[in-house]
Amino acid sequence: CQTCIKVCPMNNIELIEGKIKIKDNCMTCLACFHWCPTAAIYMSKEKEIERREKYHHPDVRLTDIIKQKYNEFVE
């Protein structure tokens, strides 16, 4: 779905041959992890971390994150 690409403030994620590639400029904001609707982003191979609940601030929507990144209005 490429949500991770849309929310990464560092433009550190790209799609290569149909697979997500996280490059070397990660600031560890975890937006990709928390906003991934399919749990395709892993923080570690540890199962404990993979099972963690995703956190979304109740007043912040996905469009807010994307809008902030691109500094333009997104509906």
N, C-alpha and C. Protein backbone atom coordinates (compact mmCIF):
# COMPACT_ATOMS: atom_id res chain seq x y z
N CYS A 1 0.82 -1.21 0.00
CA CYS A 1 0.00 0.00 0.00
C CYS A 1 0.85 1.26 0.00
N GLN A 2 2.12 1.12 0.39
CA GLN A 2 3.10 2.20 0.40
C GLN A 2 2.81 3.31 1.42
N THR A 3 2.02 3.00 2.43
CA THR A 3 1.76 3.99 3.48
C THR A 3 3.08 4.39 4.14
N CYS A 4 3.97 3.44 4.35
CA CYS A 4 5.25 3.74 5.00
C CYS A 4 6.05 4.78 4.20
N ILE A 5 6.01 4.68 2.89
CA ILE A 5 6.71 5.64 2.04
C ILE A 5 6.09 7.03 2.21
N LYS A 6 4.78 7.08 2.30
CA LYS A 6 4.08 8.35 2.42
C LYS A 6 4.32 9.04 3.76
N VAL A 7 4.51 8.26 4.84
CA VAL A 7 4.64 8.87 6.16
C VAL A 7 6.08 9.10 6.60
N CYS A 8 7.06 8.54 5.92
CA CYS A 8 8.45 8.69 6.35
C CYS A 8 8.92 10.13 6.15
N PRO A 9 9.24 10.84 7.24
CA PRO A 9 9.65 12.24 7.12
C PRO A 9 11.04 12.40 6.50
N MET A 10 11.81 11.33 6.45
CA MET A 10 13.17 11.39 5.92
C MET A 10 13.27 10.89 4.48
N ASN A 11 12.13 10.50 3.89
CA ASN A 11 12.15 9.89 2.55
C ASN A 11 13.15 8.74 2.50
N ASN A 12 13.14 7.95 3.56
CA ASN A 12 14.12 6.89 3.75
C ASN A 12 13.62 5.52 3.29
N ILE A 13 12.40 5.47 2.79
CA ILE A 13 11.82 4.19 2.39
C ILE A 13 11.46 4.27 0.91
N GLU A 14 11.81 3.23 0.19
CA GLU A 14 11.46 3.18 -1.23
C GLU A 14 10.99 1.78 -1.60
N LEU A 15 10.32 1.70 -2.72
CA LEU A 15 9.83 0.43 -3.24
C LEU A 15 10.76 -0.01 -4.36
N ILE A 16 11.39 -1.17 -4.18
CA ILE A 16 12.30 -1.70 -5.18
C ILE A 16 11.85 -3.11 -5.54
N GLU A 17 11.50 -3.30 -6.80
CA GLU A 17 11.04 -4.59 -7.30
C GLU A 17 9.92 -5.17 -6.44
N GLY A 18 9.00 -4.30 -6.05
CA GLY A 18 7.83 -4.72 -5.29
C GLY A 18 8.06 -4.94 -3.81
N LYS A 19 9.27 -4.62 -3.31
CA LYS A 19 9.58 -4.81 -1.89
C LYS A 19 10.00 -3.49 -1.28
N ILE A 20 9.63 -3.31 -0.02
CA ILE A 20 10.00 -2.11 0.72
C ILE A 20 11.47 -2.19 1.11
N LYS A 21 12.20 -1.12 0.87
CA LYS A 21 13.61 -1.03 1.24
C LYS A 21 13.77 0.18 2.15
N ILE A 22 14.26 -0.07 3.37
CA ILE A 22 14.54 1.02 4.31
C ILE A 22 16.02 1.34 4.19
N LYS A 23 16.31 2.57 3.82
CA LYS A 23 17.69 2.99 3.58
C LYS A 23 18.37 3.36 4.90
N ASP A 24 19.49 4.06 4.83
CA ASP A 24 20.34 4.32 6.00
C ASP A 24 20.09 5.65 6.71
N ASN A 25 19.04 6.36 6.36
CA ASN A 25 18.81 7.68 6.96
C ASN A 25 17.61 7.68 7.90
N CYS A 26 17.38 6.58 8.59
CA CYS A 26 16.23 6.46 9.49
C CYS A 26 16.45 7.25 10.78
N MET A 27 15.45 8.04 11.17
CA MET A 27 15.54 8.78 12.42
C MET A 27 14.77 8.08 13.55
N THR A 28 14.30 6.88 13.28
CA THR A 28 13.61 6.03 14.25
C THR A 28 12.36 6.70 14.83
N CYS A 29 11.61 7.38 13.99
CA CYS A 29 10.37 8.00 14.46
C CYS A 29 9.25 6.96 14.60
N LEU A 30 9.41 5.83 13.91
CA LEU A 30 8.48 4.70 13.94
C LEU A 30 7.13 4.98 13.28
N ALA A 31 7.04 6.04 12.50
CA ALA A 31 5.79 6.31 11.80
C ALA A 31 5.45 5.15 10.86
N CYS A 32 6.44 4.61 10.18
CA CYS A 32 6.19 3.49 9.26
C CYS A 32 5.64 2.29 10.02
N PHE A 33 6.19 2.01 11.17
CA PHE A 33 5.77 0.88 11.99
C PHE A 33 4.34 1.07 12.51
N HIS A 34 4.08 2.23 13.08
CA HIS A 34 2.78 2.46 13.70
C HIS A 34 1.64 2.65 12.71
N TRP A 35 1.93 3.15 11.52
CA TRP A 35 0.87 3.40 10.55
C TRP A 35 0.71 2.30 9.51
N CYS A 36 1.55 1.28 9.54
CA CYS A 36 1.44 0.18 8.57
C CYS A 36 0.19 -0.64 8.86
N PRO A 37 -0.77 -0.66 7.95
CA PRO A 37 -2.02 -1.37 8.20
C PRO A 37 -1.91 -2.89 8.03
N THR A 38 -0.79 -3.36 7.50
CA THR A 38 -0.65 -4.79 7.24
C THR A 38 0.44 -5.45 8.08
N ALA A 39 1.06 -4.71 8.99
CA ALA A 39 2.16 -5.21 9.83
C ALA A 39 3.33 -5.71 8.99
N ALA A 40 3.58 -5.06 7.86
CA ALA A 40 4.69 -5.44 6.99
C ALA A 40 6.02 -4.88 7.46
N ILE A 41 6.00 -3.90 8.34
CA ILE A 41 7.22 -3.29 8.86
C ILE A 41 7.55 -3.94 10.19
N TYR A 42 8.75 -4.46 10.30
CA TYR A 42 9.21 -5.12 11.53
C TYR A 42 10.32 -4.29 12.15
N MET A 43 10.32 -4.18 13.46
CA MET A 43 11.37 -3.46 14.16
C MET A 43 12.49 -4.40 14.56
N SER A 44 12.18 -5.67 14.67
CA SER A 44 13.15 -6.66 15.10
C SER A 44 12.61 -8.03 14.75
N LYS A 45 13.46 -9.00 14.75
CA LYS A 45 12.99 -10.36 14.52
C LYS A 45 12.38 -10.95 15.79
N GLU A 46 12.50 -10.22 16.88
CA GLU A 46 11.92 -10.67 18.14
C GLU A 46 10.41 -10.65 18.06
N LYS A 47 9.77 -11.75 18.36
CA LYS A 47 8.31 -11.84 18.29
C LYS A 47 7.65 -10.86 19.26
N GLU A 48 8.28 -10.61 20.38
CA GLU A 48 7.70 -9.70 21.37
C GLU A 48 7.48 -8.31 20.77
N ILE A 49 8.43 -7.84 20.02
CA ILE A 49 8.32 -6.51 19.41
C ILE A 49 7.29 -6.53 18.29
N GLU A 50 7.27 -7.59 17.51
CA GLU A 50 6.32 -7.69 16.40
C GLU A 50 4.88 -7.66 16.88
N ARG A 51 4.63 -8.14 18.08
CA ARG A 51 3.26 -8.22 18.59
C ARG A 51 2.80 -6.95 19.29
N ARG A 52 3.68 -5.99 19.43
CA ARG A 52 3.30 -4.77 20.15
C ARG A 52 2.13 -4.08 19.48
N GLU A 53 1.34 -3.45 20.31
CA GLU A 53 0.21 -2.67 19.80
C GLU A 53 0.73 -1.47 19.02
N LYS A 54 0.03 -1.13 17.99
CA LYS A 54 0.35 0.08 17.24
C LYS A 54 -0.27 1.26 18.00
N TYR A 55 0.43 2.38 18.02
CA TYR A 55 -0.09 3.55 18.71
C TYR A 55 -0.46 4.62 17.70
N HIS A 56 -1.66 5.12 17.82
CA HIS A 56 -2.11 6.27 17.04
C HIS A 56 -2.70 7.27 18.02
N HIS A 57 -2.12 8.45 18.06
CA HIS A 57 -2.67 9.50 18.91
C HIS A 57 -4.10 9.76 18.47
N PRO A 58 -5.03 9.87 19.40
CA PRO A 58 -6.44 10.01 19.02
C PRO A 58 -6.75 11.26 18.20
N ASP A 59 -5.89 12.27 18.27
CA ASP A 59 -6.14 13.50 17.52
C ASP A 59 -5.31 13.61 16.23
N VAL A 60 -4.57 12.56 15.89
CA VAL A 60 -3.72 12.59 14.70
C VAL A 60 -4.19 11.53 13.72
N ARG A 61 -4.47 11.96 12.50
CA ARG A 61 -4.90 11.04 11.44
C ARG A 61 -3.74 10.80 10.48
N LEU A 62 -3.86 9.75 9.69
CA LEU A 62 -2.84 9.45 8.69
C LEU A 62 -2.65 10.63 7.75
N THR A 63 -3.73 11.26 7.35
CA THR A 63 -3.62 12.41 6.45
C THR A 63 -2.86 13.57 7.10
N ASP A 64 -2.94 13.70 8.43
CA ASP A 64 -2.18 14.73 9.13
C ASP A 64 -0.68 14.48 9.00
N ILE A 65 -0.29 13.21 9.13
CA ILE A 65 1.12 12.85 9.02
C ILE A 65 1.63 13.13 7.60
N ILE A 66 0.86 12.70 6.62
CA ILE A 66 1.26 12.91 5.23
C ILE A 66 1.30 14.40 4.90
N LYS A 67 0.31 15.14 5.38
CA LYS A 67 0.25 16.59 5.15
C LYS A 67 1.49 17.27 5.72
N GLN A 68 1.87 16.87 6.92
CA GLN A 68 3.04 17.48 7.55
C GLN A 68 4.30 17.19 6.73
N LYS A 69 4.41 15.98 6.22
CA LYS A 69 5.60 15.62 5.44
C LYS A 69 5.70 16.47 4.18
N TYR A 70 4.62 16.58 3.47
CA TYR A 70 4.65 17.30 2.19
C TYR A 70 4.32 18.78 2.32
N ASN A 71 3.93 19.19 3.53
CA ASN A 71 3.62 20.59 3.81
C ASN A 71 2.59 21.15 2.83
N GLU A 72 1.56 20.34 2.59
CA GLU A 72 0.46 20.77 1.75
C GLU A 72 -0.81 20.08 2.22
N PHE A 73 -1.94 20.56 1.81
CA PHE A 73 -3.21 20.00 2.22
C PHE A 73 -3.51 18.71 1.48
N VAL A 74 -3.82 17.65 2.24
CA VAL A 74 -4.17 16.35 1.67
C VAL A 74 -5.48 15.92 2.30
N GLU A 75 -6.46 15.61 1.49
CA GLU A 75 -7.76 15.15 2.01
C GLU A 75 -7.86 13.66 1.95
